[in-house]
Amino acid sequence: METAAPVRLRIPKIGVDTTVEWVGSNEQGQMGVPVNYGNVAWFEPGTSPGTPGNAVVAGHLDSETGPAVFFKLEDLNPGDEVFVVNQDGEELRFVVTEKASYPADDAPLDQIFGNSVKSRLNLITCEGIFDRSSRSYDRRLVVYTELATT
């Protein structure tokens, strides 16, 4: 059962209430990122939040001018709530189950993007040490959530 595409993401614990941009893959074959540092990006070729599988939403940690939308993502813990509003106006509630940090070039892509019988929403941002030459952080933080049943 496919659910409607996401348009808004709310994470009350860390003060996030933002628009969801839809992205595909970039020239390197990686998930695209949001254009606006205050927005998040949903990997549109993938699963819609609320549908069985791993829906993936990414957000920037920071920008040249300061903190971005997922600056406080690391503050989420198991049991915290994440809400997605879809195009149909339906609000879905997800609950954090775990978080993990991976080397940027060695994240478990199948676990993050692959198939699942559960309806999951995985939130991703950068963390670690910023490399000015590559203009990228050396680690990725993933917060795993599952659709709440009640």
Foldseek 3Di string as FASTA:
>chain_A
DADFAFFWKDFPVVGQTAGEAEFEADPVRHTDADPDQQHKYWHVVAGHQPAFFATEIEHEQADPVGGGNCVPVVVDDFQGWMWTQGPVRDIWIKTWDHKDKDFPVDDPCCVRGNGGRFRKYKYKYADADADVVVRGHGMMMITIITTDPD
